[in-house]
Amino acid sequence: MDTIFQIFLILHIVGGAVGLLTGLVNVIRKKGDKNHVRIGKLFFFSMLTAGLSSLVLSVLNPNYFLFMVGVFTLYMVGTGNRYIQIKIRHQNNQPKRLDWAISITMLTAGVVFICLGTYSLINANSFGLVFVTFGLVGLLFVRQDFKNYTGRAEAKNFWLIAHLQRMMGGFIAALTAFLVVNAGHLPSQIPGFLYWLLPTIIFTPLIVSWSRKYEVKKE
């Protein structure tokens, strides 16, 4: 069992590190060119590896926080990639059963996260705020999925906006995991639960700004 754990731990670390680096590169550099696509694919597969391995690790060594990050990461990069596939491969930009399944899974997980977070807060555990935040963010994105999948998207290029937002969400998850793991080497004056929320607080305005910049409203 220890050997299996170590293998998945290595996969998780490598996937997370590559995802963090490639994600940072695509955040900084020009969007939409061939290099962006190539780096984005590497980011996707790296984060997929990190997310899947985190679920396995959270089962081998029970850890609710690791499980939450794994679910959130897989949902974000999964839907981020699927929105591009919907645009390229599917007639009339129609979602498939896989897309609905991913969103419904996140819907269920989001409700569970909020319930766990509320229970923790009631019992004076401040980390409950992390669960509630991730749960609410997940549900907001699921709501967006349902609107997009049922033809009620507010933008013509909803697939591009959703892709941008989801991939940024995956990057936020990678950065969050990095900060939490290395919290012992960071200023002790900062409460531990803030490391779970800082990337979301910092990068959400950037996501909003880019979404407004690239969005094409329906006439």
C-alpha atoms as a PDB file:
ATOM      1  CA  MET A   1       0.000   0.000   0.000  1.00  0.00           C
ATOM      2  CA  ASP A   2       2.856   2.402   0.814  1.00  0.00           C
ATOM      3  CA  THR A   3       4.356   1.802  -2.631  1.00  0.00           C
ATOM      4  CA  ILE A   4       1.049   2.567  -4.354  1.00  0.00           C
ATOM      5  CA  PHE A   5       0.666   5.713  -2.265  1.00  0.00           C
ATOM      6  CA  GLN A   6       4.170   6.887  -3.191  1.00  0.00           C
ATOM      7  CA  ILE A   7       3.554   6.301  -6.896  1.00  0.00           C
ATOM      8  CA  PHE A   8       0.386   8.370  -6.898  1.00  0.00           C
ATOM      9  CA  LEU A   9       2.033  11.008  -4.719  1.00  0.00           C
ATOM     10  CA  ILE A  10       4.798  11.406  -7.303  1.00  0.00           C
ATOM     11  CA  LEU A  11       2.232  11.599 -10.102  1.00  0.00           C
ATOM     12  CA  HIS A  12       0.345  14.224  -8.132  1.00  0.00           C
ATOM     13  CA  ILE A  13       3.422  16.343  -7.459  1.00  0.00           C
ATOM     14  CA  VAL A  14       4.697  16.164 -11.049  1.00  0.00           C
ATOM     15  CA  GLY A  15       1.269  16.819 -12.529  1.00  0.00           C
ATOM     16  CA  GLY A  16       0.635  19.726 -10.183  1.00  0.00           C
ATOM     17  CA  ALA A  17       4.059  21.285 -10.776  1.00  0.00           C
ATOM     18  CA  VAL A  18       3.822  21.061 -14.572  1.00  0.00           C
ATOM     19  CA  GLY A  19       0.245  22.322 -14.435  1.00  0.00           C
ATOM     20  CA  LEU A  20       1.232  25.285 -12.280  1.00  0.00           C
ATOM     21  CA  LEU A  21       4.113  26.254 -14.591  1.00  0.00           C
ATOM     22  CA  THR A  22       2.240  25.826 -17.874  1.00  0.00           C
ATOM     23  CA  GLY A  23      -0.801  27.557 -16.438  1.00  0.00           C
ATOM     24  CA  LEU A  24       1.314  30.528 -15.381  1.00  0.00           C
ATOM     25  CA  VAL A  25       2.869  30.720 -18.847  1.00  0.00           C
ATOM     26  CA  ASN A  26      -0.534  30.849 -20.526  1.00  0.00           C
ATOM     27  CA  VAL A  27      -1.814  33.415 -18.033  1.00  0.00           C
ATOM     28  CA  ILE A  28       1.069  35.728 -18.915  1.00  0.00           C
ATOM     29  CA  ARG A  29       1.518  35.220 -22.654  1.00  0.00           C
ATOM     30  CA  LYS A  30      -0.611  35.898 -25.730  1.00  0.00           C
ATOM     31  CA  LYS A  31      -3.892  34.001 -26.019  1.00  0.00           C
ATOM     32  CA  GLY A  32      -5.163  31.950 -28.946  1.00  0.00           C
ATOM     33  CA  ASP A  33      -2.024  31.231 -30.987  1.00  0.00           C
ATOM     34  CA  LYS A  34      -0.515  27.793 -31.677  1.00  0.00           C
ATOM     35  CA  ASN A  35       1.827  27.926 -28.683  1.00  0.00           C
ATOM     36  CA  HIS A  36      -1.100  28.782 -26.430  1.00  0.00           C
ATOM     37  CA  VAL A  37      -2.912  25.679 -27.674  1.00  0.00           C
ATOM     38  CA  ARG A  38       0.147  23.435 -27.225  1.00  0.00           C
ATOM     39  CA  ILE A  39       0.886  24.717 -23.733  1.00  0.00           C
ATOM     40  CA  GLY A  40      -2.824  24.486 -22.904  1.00  0.00           C
ATOM     41  CA  LYS A  41      -2.916  20.794 -23.841  1.00  0.00           C
ATOM     42  CA  LEU A  42       0.068  20.115 -21.593  1.00  0.00           C
ATOM     43  CA  PHE A  43      -1.662  22.049 -18.823  1.00  0.00           C
ATOM     44  CA  PHE A  44      -4.862  20.032 -19.306  1.00  0.00           C
ATOM     45  CA  PHE A  45      -3.205  16.615 -19.117  1.00  0.00           C
ATOM     46  CA  SER A  46      -0.989  17.686 -16.217  1.00  0.00           C
ATOM     47  CA  MET A  47      -3.952  18.919 -14.205  1.00  0.00           C
ATOM     48  CA  LEU A  48      -5.931  15.818 -15.144  1.00  0.00           C
ATOM     49  CA  THR A  49      -3.096  13.746 -13.700  1.00  0.00           C
ATOM     50  CA  ALA A  50      -2.935  15.887 -10.573  1.00  0.00           C
ATOM     51  CA  GLY A  51      -6.701  15.765 -10.054  1.00  0.00           C
ATOM     52  CA  LEU A  52      -7.117  12.028 -10.562  1.00  0.00           C
ATOM     53  CA  SER A  53      -4.109  11.192  -8.399  1.00  0.00           C
ATOM     54  CA  SER A  54      -5.407  13.452  -5.611  1.00  0.00           C
ATOM     55  CA  LEU A  55      -8.662  11.474  -5.506  1.00  0.00           C
ATOM     56  CA  VAL A  56      -6.713   8.229  -5.166  1.00  0.00           C
ATOM     57  CA  LEU A  57      -4.481   9.728  -2.462  1.00  0.00           C
ATOM     58  CA  SER A  58      -7.492  11.057  -0.553  1.00  0.00           C
ATOM     59  CA  VAL A  59      -8.921   7.531  -0.475  1.00  0.00           C
ATOM     60  CA  LEU A  60      -5.665   5.772   0.464  1.00  0.00           C
ATOM     61  CA  ASN A  61      -5.043   8.317   3.204  1.00  0.00           C
ATOM     62  CA  PRO A  62      -8.460   9.907   3.968  1.00  0.00           C
ATOM     63  CA  ASN A  63      -8.257  13.640   3.419  1.00  0.00           C
ATOM     64  CA  TYR A  64     -11.411  15.670   2.739  1.00  0.00           C
ATOM     65  CA  PHE A  65      -9.507  18.750   1.612  1.00  0.00           C
ATOM     66  CA  LEU A  66      -7.446  16.840  -0.954  1.00  0.00           C
ATOM     67  CA  PHE A  67     -10.608  15.183  -2.232  1.00  0.00           C
ATOM     68  CA  MET A  68     -12.321  18.563  -2.592  1.00  0.00           C
ATOM     69  CA  VAL A  69      -9.426  20.052  -4.560  1.00  0.00           C
ATOM     70  CA  GLY A  70      -9.316  16.951  -6.769  1.00  0.00           C
ATOM     71  CA  VAL A  71     -13.016  17.146  -7.617  1.00  0.00           C
ATOM     72  CA  PHE A  72     -12.850  20.890  -8.241  1.00  0.00           C
ATOM     73  CA  THR A  73      -9.742  20.558 -10.425  1.00  0.00           C
ATOM     74  CA  LEU A  74     -11.192  17.764 -12.557  1.00  0.00           C
ATOM     75  CA  TYR A  75     -14.438  19.667 -13.040  1.00  0.00           C
ATOM     76  CA  MET A  76     -12.698  22.881 -14.033  1.00  0.00           C
ATOM     77  CA  VAL A  77     -10.196  21.487 -16.522  1.00  0.00           C
ATOM     78  CA  GLY A  78     -12.682  18.859 -17.695  1.00  0.00           C
ATOM     79  CA  THR A  79     -15.386  21.364 -18.619  1.00  0.00           C
ATOM     80  CA  GLY A  80     -12.781  23.836 -19.860  1.00  0.00           C
ATOM     81  CA  ASN A  81     -11.589  21.268 -22.375  1.00  0.00           C
ATOM     82  CA  ARG A  82     -15.101  20.039 -23.216  1.00  0.00           C
ATOM     83  CA  TYR A  83     -16.324  23.535 -24.141  1.00  0.00           C
ATOM     84  CA  ILE A  84     -13.618  23.721 -26.798  1.00  0.00           C
ATOM     85  CA  GLN A  85     -14.552  20.248 -28.031  1.00  0.00           C
ATOM     86  CA  ILE A  86     -18.223  21.236 -28.173  1.00  0.00           C
ATOM     87  CA  LYS A  87     -17.332  24.165 -30.431  1.00  0.00           C
ATOM     88  CA  ILE A  88     -14.999  22.183 -32.717  1.00  0.00           C
ATOM     89  CA  ARG A  89     -16.656  18.779 -32.974  1.00  0.00           C
ATOM     90  CA  HIS A  90     -20.337  19.015 -32.121  1.00  0.00           C
ATOM     91  CA  GLN A  91     -22.946  20.228 -34.563  1.00  0.00           C
ATOM     92  CA  ASN A  92     -24.771  23.367 -33.401  1.00  0.00           C
ATOM     93  CA  ASN A  93     -22.556  23.486 -30.284  1.00  0.00           C
ATOM     94  CA  GLN A  94     -24.748  20.888 -28.568  1.00  0.00           C
ATOM     95  CA  PRO A  95     -23.487  19.228 -25.351  1.00  0.00           C
ATOM     96  CA  LYS A  96     -23.281  15.448 -24.985  1.00  0.00           C
ATOM     97  CA  ARG A  97     -24.226  13.142 -22.122  1.00  0.00           C
ATOM     98  CA  LEU A  98     -20.664  13.379 -20.826  1.00  0.00           C
ATOM     99  CA  ASP A  99     -21.027  17.141 -20.414  1.00  0.00           C
ATOM    100  CA  TRP A 100     -24.258  16.769 -18.445  1.00  0.00           C
ATOM    101  CA  ALA A 101     -22.699  14.008 -16.303  1.00  0.00           C
ATOM    102  CA  ILE A 102     -19.709  16.190 -15.384  1.00  0.00           C
ATOM    103  CA  SER A 103     -21.946  19.110 -14.404  1.00  0.00           C
ATOM    104  CA  ILE A 104     -24.353  16.970 -12.376  1.00  0.00           C
ATOM    105  CA  THR A 105     -21.400  15.414 -10.538  1.00  0.00           C
ATOM    106  CA  MET A 106     -20.145  18.892  -9.616  1.00  0.00           C
ATOM    107  CA  LEU A 107     -23.665  19.904  -8.597  1.00  0.00           C
ATOM    108  CA  THR A 108     -23.796  17.001  -6.157  1.00  0.00           C
ATOM    109  CA  ALA A 109     -20.275  17.651  -4.889  1.00  0.00           C
ATOM    110  CA  GLY A 110     -20.990  21.370  -4.446  1.00  0.00           C
ATOM    111  CA  VAL A 111     -24.004  20.683  -2.240  1.00  0.00           C
ATOM    112  CA  VAL A 112     -21.969  18.198  -0.176  1.00  0.00           C
ATOM    113  CA  PHE A 113     -19.108  20.708   0.204  1.00  0.00           C
ATOM    114  CA  ILE A 114     -21.482  23.411   1.437  1.00  0.00           C
ATOM    115  CA  CYS A 115     -23.086  21.024   3.938  1.00  0.00           C
ATOM    116  CA  LEU A 116     -19.679  19.877   5.242  1.00  0.00           C
ATOM    117  CA  GLY A 117     -18.477  23.467   5.434  1.00  0.00           C
ATOM    118  CA  THR A 118     -21.574  24.623   7.301  1.00  0.00           C
ATOM    119  CA  TYR A 119     -21.226  21.740   9.753  1.00  0.00           C
ATOM    120  CA  SER A 120     -17.553  22.641  10.330  1.00  0.00           C
ATOM    121  CA  LEU A 121     -18.362  26.312  10.911  1.00  0.00           C
ATOM    122  CA  ILE A 122     -21.076  25.394  13.400  1.00  0.00           C
ATOM    123  CA  ASN A 123     -18.422  23.410  15.263  1.00  0.00           C
ATOM    124  CA  ALA A 124     -16.047  26.413  15.256  1.00  0.00           C
ATOM    125  CA  ASN A 125     -13.760  25.042  12.530  1.00  0.00           C
ATOM    126  CA  SER A 126     -12.767  27.990  10.312  1.00  0.00           C
ATOM    127  CA  PHE A 127     -11.753  25.661   7.474  1.00  0.00           C
ATOM    128  CA  GLY A 128     -15.449  25.186   6.901  1.00  0.00           C
ATOM    129  CA  LEU A 129     -15.295  28.511   5.062  1.00  0.00           C
ATOM    130  CA  VAL A 130     -13.048  26.858   2.477  1.00  0.00           C
ATOM    131  CA  PHE A 131     -15.584  24.107   1.833  1.00  0.00           C
ATOM    132  CA  VAL A 132     -18.435  26.595   1.554  1.00  0.00           C
ATOM    133  CA  THR A 133     -16.459  28.828  -0.835  1.00  0.00           C
ATOM    134  CA  PHE A 134     -15.426  25.987  -3.154  1.00  0.00           C
ATOM    135  CA  GLY A 135     -18.954  24.600  -3.049  1.00  0.00           C
ATOM    136  CA  LEU A 136     -20.567  27.921  -3.950  1.00  0.00           C
ATOM    137  CA  VAL A 137     -18.070  28.594  -6.746  1.00  0.00           C
ATOM    138  CA  GLY A 138     -18.693  25.119  -8.143  1.00  0.00           C
ATOM    139  CA  LEU A 139     -22.474  25.639  -8.084  1.00  0.00           C
ATOM    140  CA  LEU A 140     -22.155  28.988  -9.849  1.00  0.00           C
ATOM    141  CA  PHE A 141     -20.252  27.332 -12.682  1.00  0.00           C
ATOM    142  CA  VAL A 142     -22.780  24.486 -12.842  1.00  0.00           C
ATOM    143  CA  ARG A 143     -25.545  27.087 -13.172  1.00  0.00           C
ATOM    144  CA  GLN A 144     -23.610  28.553 -16.087  1.00  0.00           C
ATOM    145  CA  ASP A 145     -23.349  25.072 -17.642  1.00  0.00           C
ATOM    146  CA  PHE A 146     -27.095  24.540 -17.457  1.00  0.00           C
ATOM    147  CA  LYS A 147     -27.756  27.913 -19.108  1.00  0.00           C
ATOM    148  CA  ASN A 148     -25.216  27.235 -21.869  1.00  0.00           C
ATOM    149  CA  TYR A 149     -26.414  23.681 -22.506  1.00  0.00           C
ATOM    150  CA  THR A 150     -30.066  24.705 -22.779  1.00  0.00           C
ATOM    151  CA  GLY A 151     -29.514  27.537 -25.255  1.00  0.00           C
ATOM    152  CA  ARG A 152     -29.778  30.369 -22.730  1.00  0.00           C
ATOM    153  CA  ALA A 153     -26.156  31.518 -22.903  1.00  0.00           C
ATOM    154  CA  GLU A 154     -25.743  35.265 -22.642  1.00  0.00           C
ATOM    155  CA  ALA A 155     -22.836  35.373 -25.097  1.00  0.00           C
ATOM    156  CA  LYS A 156     -22.490  34.157 -28.678  1.00  0.00           C
ATOM    157  CA  ASN A 157     -19.035  32.811 -27.880  1.00  0.00           C
ATOM    158  CA  PHE A 158     -20.083  31.213 -24.587  1.00  0.00           C
ATOM    159  CA  TRP A 159     -17.750  28.300 -25.284  1.00  0.00           C
ATOM    160  CA  LEU A 160     -14.703  30.611 -25.337  1.00  0.00           C
ATOM    161  CA  ILE A 161     -15.711  32.459 -22.161  1.00  0.00           C
ATOM    162  CA  ALA A 162     -16.406  29.193 -20.348  1.00  0.00           C
ATOM    163  CA  HIS A 163     -13.101  27.717 -21.548  1.00  0.00           C
ATOM    164  CA  LEU A 164     -11.172  30.739 -20.279  1.00  0.00           C
ATOM    165  CA  GLN A 165     -12.922  30.745 -16.906  1.00  0.00           C
ATOM    166  CA  ARG A 166     -12.584  27.004 -16.317  1.00  0.00           C
ATOM    167  CA  MET A 167      -8.917  26.776 -17.233  1.00  0.00           C
ATOM    168  CA  MET A 168      -8.213  29.711 -14.931  1.00  0.00           C
ATOM    169  CA  GLY A 169     -10.155  27.858 -12.255  1.00  0.00           C
ATOM    170  CA  GLY A 170      -7.896  24.848 -12.766  1.00  0.00           C
ATOM    171  CA  PHE A 171      -4.837  27.088 -12.430  1.00  0.00           C
ATOM    172  CA  ILE A 172      -6.260  28.554  -9.223  1.00  0.00           C
ATOM    173  CA  ALA A 173      -6.690  25.023  -7.865  1.00  0.00           C
ATOM    174  CA  ALA A 174      -3.044  24.198  -8.665  1.00  0.00           C
ATOM    175  CA  LEU A 175      -1.793  27.398  -7.033  1.00  0.00           C
ATOM    176  CA  THR A 176      -4.014  26.808  -4.007  1.00  0.00           C
ATOM    177  CA  ALA A 177      -2.588  23.308  -3.532  1.00  0.00           C
ATOM    178  CA  PHE A 178       0.954  24.683  -3.835  1.00  0.00           C
ATOM    179  CA  LEU A 179       0.360  27.347  -1.176  1.00  0.00           C
ATOM    180  CA  VAL A 180      -1.310  24.941   1.232  1.00  0.00           C
ATOM    181  CA  VAL A 181       1.438  22.318   0.924  1.00  0.00           C
ATOM    182  CA  ASN A 182       4.123  24.947   1.490  1.00  0.00           C
ATOM    183  CA  ALA A 183       2.247  26.911   4.164  1.00  0.00           C
ATOM    184  CA  GLY A 184       4.842  25.873   6.746  1.00  0.00           C
ATOM    185  CA  HIS A 185       7.462  27.893   4.872  1.00  0.00           C
ATOM    186  CA  LEU A 186       5.252  30.967   4.504  1.00  0.00           C
ATOM    187  CA  PRO A 187       4.510  33.748   7.055  1.00  0.00           C
ATOM    188  CA  SER A 188       2.965  32.189  10.164  1.00  0.00           C
ATOM    189  CA  GLN A 189       0.961  35.355  10.823  1.00  0.00           C
ATOM    190  CA  ILE A 190      -1.401  34.451   7.976  1.00  0.00           C
ATOM    191  CA  PRO A 191      -4.215  32.085   9.088  1.00  0.00           C
ATOM    192  CA  GLY A 192      -3.958  28.686   7.391  1.00  0.00           C
ATOM    193  CA  PHE A 193      -7.401  28.811   5.799  1.00  0.00           C
ATOM    194  CA  LEU A 194      -6.473  31.998   3.915  1.00  0.00           C
ATOM    195  CA  TYR A 195      -3.987  30.067   1.791  1.00  0.00           C
ATOM    196  CA  TRP A 196      -6.978  28.118   0.483  1.00  0.00           C
ATOM    197  CA  LEU A 197      -8.757  31.310  -0.541  1.00  0.00           C
ATOM    198  CA  LEU A 198      -6.029  33.767  -1.610  1.00  0.00           C
ATOM    199  CA  PRO A 199      -5.628  32.492  -5.220  1.00  0.00           C
ATOM    200  CA  THR A 200      -9.392  32.696  -5.725  1.00  0.00           C
ATOM    201  CA  ILE A 201      -9.501  36.215  -4.258  1.00  0.00           C
ATOM    202  CA  ILE A 202      -6.523  37.372  -6.365  1.00  0.00           C
ATOM    203  CA  PHE A 203      -7.413  35.864  -9.740  1.00  0.00           C
ATOM    204  CA  THR A 204     -11.201  36.219  -9.772  1.00  0.00           C
ATOM    205  CA  PRO A 205     -10.997  39.907 -10.832  1.00  0.00           C
ATOM    206  CA  LEU A 206      -8.719  38.840 -13.714  1.00  0.00           C
ATOM    207  CA  ILE A 207     -11.236  36.206 -14.824  1.00  0.00           C
ATOM    208  CA  VAL A 208     -14.014  38.812 -14.737  1.00  0.00           C
ATOM    209  CA  SER A 209     -11.885  41.290 -16.706  1.00  0.00           C
ATOM    210  CA  TRP A 210     -10.964  38.784 -19.428  1.00  0.00           C
ATOM    211  CA  SER A 211     -14.537  37.542 -19.681  1.00  0.00           C
ATOM    212  CA  ARG A 212     -15.777  41.080 -20.346  1.00  0.00           C
ATOM    213  CA  LYS A 213     -12.956  41.713 -22.807  1.00  0.00           C
ATOM    214  CA  TYR A 214     -13.609  38.658 -24.999  1.00  0.00           C
ATOM    215  CA  GLU A 215     -17.376  38.289 -24.599  1.00  0.00           C
ATOM    216  CA  VAL A 216     -19.530  38.843 -27.687  1.00  0.00           C
ATOM    217  CA  LYS A 217     -23.076  39.657 -26.604  1.00  0.00           C
ATOM    218  CA  LYS A 218     -26.058  38.226 -28.417  1.00  0.00           C
ATOM    219  CA  GLU A 219     -27.907  40.797 -30.506  1.00  0.00           C
END
